[in-house]
Amino acid sequence: MECPRCKGAMVEDVFEDLRDDTGSLNFTGWRCIICGEILDPVIVTNRESRPEPLLGRARKKFATQLS
């Protein structure tokens, strides 16, 4: 598998989640050996379902004027 961030090699790894309230403390995911990016099925699903940014609704930049 190729890392989406740096295109490095990813290895399968087991991670511990001590704050998980489902009773499962371990989960399997992928970790990049170059940059440390972590991917698991939940992360991939959330990234795929992220809505597109709304154009024209970006924050306006205000220039500060010193008098």
N, C-alpha and C. Protein backbone atom coordinates (compact mmCIF):
# COMPACT_ATOMS: atom_id res chain seq x y z
N MET A 1 0.85 -1.18 0.00
CA MET A 1 0.00 0.00 0.00
C MET A 1 0.89 1.24 0.00
N GLU A 2 0.45 2.28 -0.70
CA GLU A 2 1.21 3.52 -0.82
C GLU A 2 0.57 4.60 0.05
N CYS A 3 1.38 5.35 0.77
CA CYS A 3 0.90 6.42 1.64
C CYS A 3 0.30 7.55 0.80
N PRO A 4 -0.91 8.00 1.13
CA PRO A 4 -1.52 9.09 0.38
C PRO A 4 -0.83 10.44 0.63
N ARG A 5 -0.10 10.56 1.71
CA ARG A 5 0.55 11.82 2.06
C ARG A 5 1.91 11.97 1.39
N CYS A 6 2.79 10.95 1.55
CA CYS A 6 4.16 11.10 1.06
C CYS A 6 4.55 10.07 0.01
N LYS A 7 3.64 9.16 -0.32
CA LYS A 7 3.87 8.10 -1.31
C LYS A 7 4.87 7.05 -0.83
N GLY A 8 5.14 7.01 0.48
CA GLY A 8 6.03 6.01 1.05
C GLY A 8 5.30 4.69 1.26
N ALA A 9 6.04 3.71 1.75
CA ALA A 9 5.48 2.38 1.99
C ALA A 9 4.70 2.36 3.31
N MET A 10 3.58 1.68 3.31
CA MET A 10 2.77 1.53 4.52
C MET A 10 2.80 0.07 4.95
N VAL A 11 2.80 -0.13 6.27
CA VAL A 11 2.79 -1.48 6.83
C VAL A 11 1.56 -1.64 7.70
N GLU A 12 1.05 -2.87 7.75
CA GLU A 12 -0.10 -3.14 8.60
C GLU A 12 0.39 -3.17 10.05
N ASP A 13 -0.40 -2.58 10.94
CA ASP A 13 0.01 -2.47 12.34
C ASP A 13 -1.22 -2.62 13.22
N VAL A 14 -1.01 -3.00 14.47
CA VAL A 14 -2.08 -3.10 15.45
C VAL A 14 -1.91 -1.93 16.42
N PHE A 15 -2.99 -1.17 16.62
CA PHE A 15 -2.97 0.00 17.48
C PHE A 15 -3.85 -0.24 18.70
N GLU A 16 -3.53 0.43 19.80
CA GLU A 16 -4.31 0.32 21.02
C GLU A 16 -5.10 1.61 21.23
N ASP A 17 -6.36 1.45 21.58
CA ASP A 17 -7.23 2.60 21.85
C ASP A 17 -7.78 2.43 23.26
N LEU A 18 -7.18 3.07 24.21
CA LEU A 18 -7.58 2.91 25.61
C LEU A 18 -8.85 3.68 25.95
N ARG A 19 -9.26 4.61 25.12
CA ARG A 19 -10.45 5.40 25.42
C ARG A 19 -11.67 4.93 24.65
N ASP A 20 -11.59 3.81 23.97
CA ASP A 20 -12.69 3.27 23.19
C ASP A 20 -13.76 2.74 24.13
N ASP A 21 -15.02 3.13 23.92
CA ASP A 21 -16.10 2.69 24.80
C ASP A 21 -16.86 1.48 24.24
N THR A 22 -16.36 0.87 23.16
CA THR A 22 -17.03 -0.31 22.61
C THR A 22 -16.52 -1.60 23.22
N GLY A 23 -15.49 -1.54 24.03
CA GLY A 23 -14.93 -2.73 24.64
C GLY A 23 -13.75 -3.30 23.88
N SER A 24 -13.50 -2.81 22.69
CA SER A 24 -12.36 -3.28 21.90
C SER A 24 -11.19 -2.32 22.11
N LEU A 25 -10.08 -2.87 22.58
CA LEU A 25 -8.93 -2.01 22.85
C LEU A 25 -7.94 -1.97 21.70
N ASN A 26 -8.00 -2.91 20.79
CA ASN A 26 -7.05 -2.97 19.68
C ASN A 26 -7.79 -2.84 18.35
N PHE A 27 -7.13 -2.22 17.38
CA PHE A 27 -7.67 -2.18 16.03
C PHE A 27 -6.51 -2.26 15.05
N THR A 28 -6.80 -2.77 13.88
CA THR A 28 -5.79 -2.94 12.85
C THR A 28 -5.87 -1.78 11.86
N GLY A 29 -4.74 -1.27 11.45
CA GLY A 29 -4.69 -0.19 10.48
C GLY A 29 -3.38 -0.23 9.73
N TRP A 30 -3.11 0.84 8.99
CA TRP A 30 -1.89 0.96 8.21
C TRP A 30 -1.11 2.16 8.70
N ARG A 31 0.21 2.02 8.80
CA ARG A 31 1.09 3.11 9.24
C ARG A 31 2.21 3.28 8.22
N CYS A 32 2.45 4.53 7.83
CA CYS A 32 3.53 4.83 6.88
C CYS A 32 4.86 4.79 7.62
N ILE A 33 5.83 4.10 7.04
CA ILE A 33 7.13 4.01 7.70
C ILE A 33 7.98 5.26 7.46
N ILE A 34 7.56 6.14 6.56
CA ILE A 34 8.30 7.37 6.29
C ILE A 34 7.77 8.55 7.12
N CYS A 35 6.45 8.86 6.98
CA CYS A 35 5.91 10.06 7.62
C CYS A 35 5.04 9.77 8.85
N GLY A 36 4.66 8.51 9.07
CA GLY A 36 3.87 8.17 10.25
C GLY A 36 2.37 8.27 10.06
N GLU A 37 1.90 8.56 8.86
CA GLU A 37 0.46 8.63 8.58
C GLU A 37 -0.20 7.33 9.00
N ILE A 38 -1.36 7.41 9.66
CA ILE A 38 -2.11 6.23 10.09
C ILE A 38 -3.45 6.22 9.39
N LEU A 39 -3.81 5.07 8.83
CA LEU A 39 -5.10 4.89 8.19
C LEU A 39 -5.75 3.63 8.74
N ASP A 40 -7.05 3.71 8.98
CA ASP A 40 -7.85 2.55 9.32
C ASP A 40 -9.18 2.71 8.61
N PRO A 41 -10.06 1.72 8.66
CA PRO A 41 -11.33 1.83 7.92
C PRO A 41 -12.17 3.05 8.31
N VAL A 42 -12.15 3.44 9.57
CA VAL A 42 -12.94 4.61 10.00
C VAL A 42 -12.38 5.89 9.39
N ILE A 43 -11.07 6.05 9.39
CA ILE A 43 -10.44 7.24 8.82
C ILE A 43 -10.73 7.32 7.33
N VAL A 44 -10.59 6.20 6.62
CA VAL A 44 -10.83 6.18 5.17
C VAL A 44 -12.28 6.54 4.86
N THR A 45 -13.23 5.97 5.61
CA THR A 45 -14.66 6.27 5.40
C THR A 45 -14.95 7.75 5.64
N ASN A 46 -14.41 8.31 6.71
CA ASN A 46 -14.64 9.72 7.01
C ASN A 46 -14.04 10.63 5.94
N ARG A 47 -12.88 10.29 5.43
CA ARG A 47 -12.26 11.11 4.39
C ARG A 47 -13.05 11.04 3.08
N GLU A 48 -13.60 9.88 2.77
CA GLU A 48 -14.38 9.73 1.54
C GLU A 48 -15.72 10.44 1.63
N SER A 49 -16.30 10.55 2.81
CA SER A 49 -17.63 11.15 2.96
C SER A 49 -17.56 12.63 3.34
N ARG A 50 -16.37 13.20 3.37
CA ARG A 50 -16.22 14.61 3.72
C ARG A 50 -16.86 15.48 2.64
N PRO A 51 -17.69 16.44 3.01
CA PRO A 51 -18.32 17.29 1.99
C PRO A 51 -17.30 18.22 1.33
N GLU A 52 -17.60 18.57 0.10
CA GLU A 52 -16.75 19.51 -0.63
C GLU A 52 -16.87 20.90 0.00
N PRO A 53 -15.81 21.69 -0.01
CA PRO A 53 -15.90 23.04 0.54
C PRO A 53 -16.85 23.91 -0.30
N LEU A 54 -17.54 24.79 0.37
CA LEU A 54 -18.46 25.69 -0.31
C LEU A 54 -17.69 26.90 -0.84
N LEU A 55 -17.75 27.10 -2.13
CA LEU A 55 -17.06 28.24 -2.72
C LEU A 55 -17.84 29.51 -2.45
N GLY A 56 -17.16 30.57 -2.21
CA GLY A 56 -17.82 31.84 -1.96
C GLY A 56 -18.20 32.05 -0.50
N ARG A 57 -17.95 31.06 0.33
CA ARG A 57 -18.28 31.20 1.74
C ARG A 57 -17.03 31.18 2.61
N ALA A 58 -15.89 31.40 2.00
CA ALA A 58 -14.64 31.43 2.75
C ALA A 58 -14.61 32.68 3.62
N ARG A 59 -13.85 32.60 4.68
CA ARG A 59 -13.73 33.76 5.56
C ARG A 59 -13.09 34.92 4.82
N LYS A 60 -13.59 36.07 5.05
CA LYS A 60 -13.01 37.26 4.45
C LYS A 60 -11.76 37.65 5.21
N LYS A 61 -10.76 38.06 4.47
CA LYS A 61 -9.51 38.49 5.09
C LYS A 61 -9.60 39.99 5.34
N PHE A 62 -9.35 40.36 6.56
CA PHE A 62 -9.40 41.76 6.93
C PHE A 62 -7.97 42.28 7.09
N ALA A 63 -7.66 43.32 6.39
CA ALA A 63 -6.33 43.93 6.50
C ALA A 63 -6.32 44.85 7.70
N THR A 64 -5.28 44.73 8.47
CA THR A 64 -5.16 45.62 9.63
C THR A 64 -4.42 46.88 9.18
N GLN A 65 -4.98 47.99 9.50
CA GLN A 65 -4.36 49.25 9.12
C GLN A 65 -3.83 49.94 10.36
N LEU A 66 -2.59 50.29 10.31
CA LEU A 66 -1.98 51.00 11.43
C LEU A 66 -2.02 52.49 11.13
N SER A 67 -2.55 53.25 12.04
CA SER A 67 -2.65 54.70 11.84
C SER A 67 -1.64 55.42 12.66
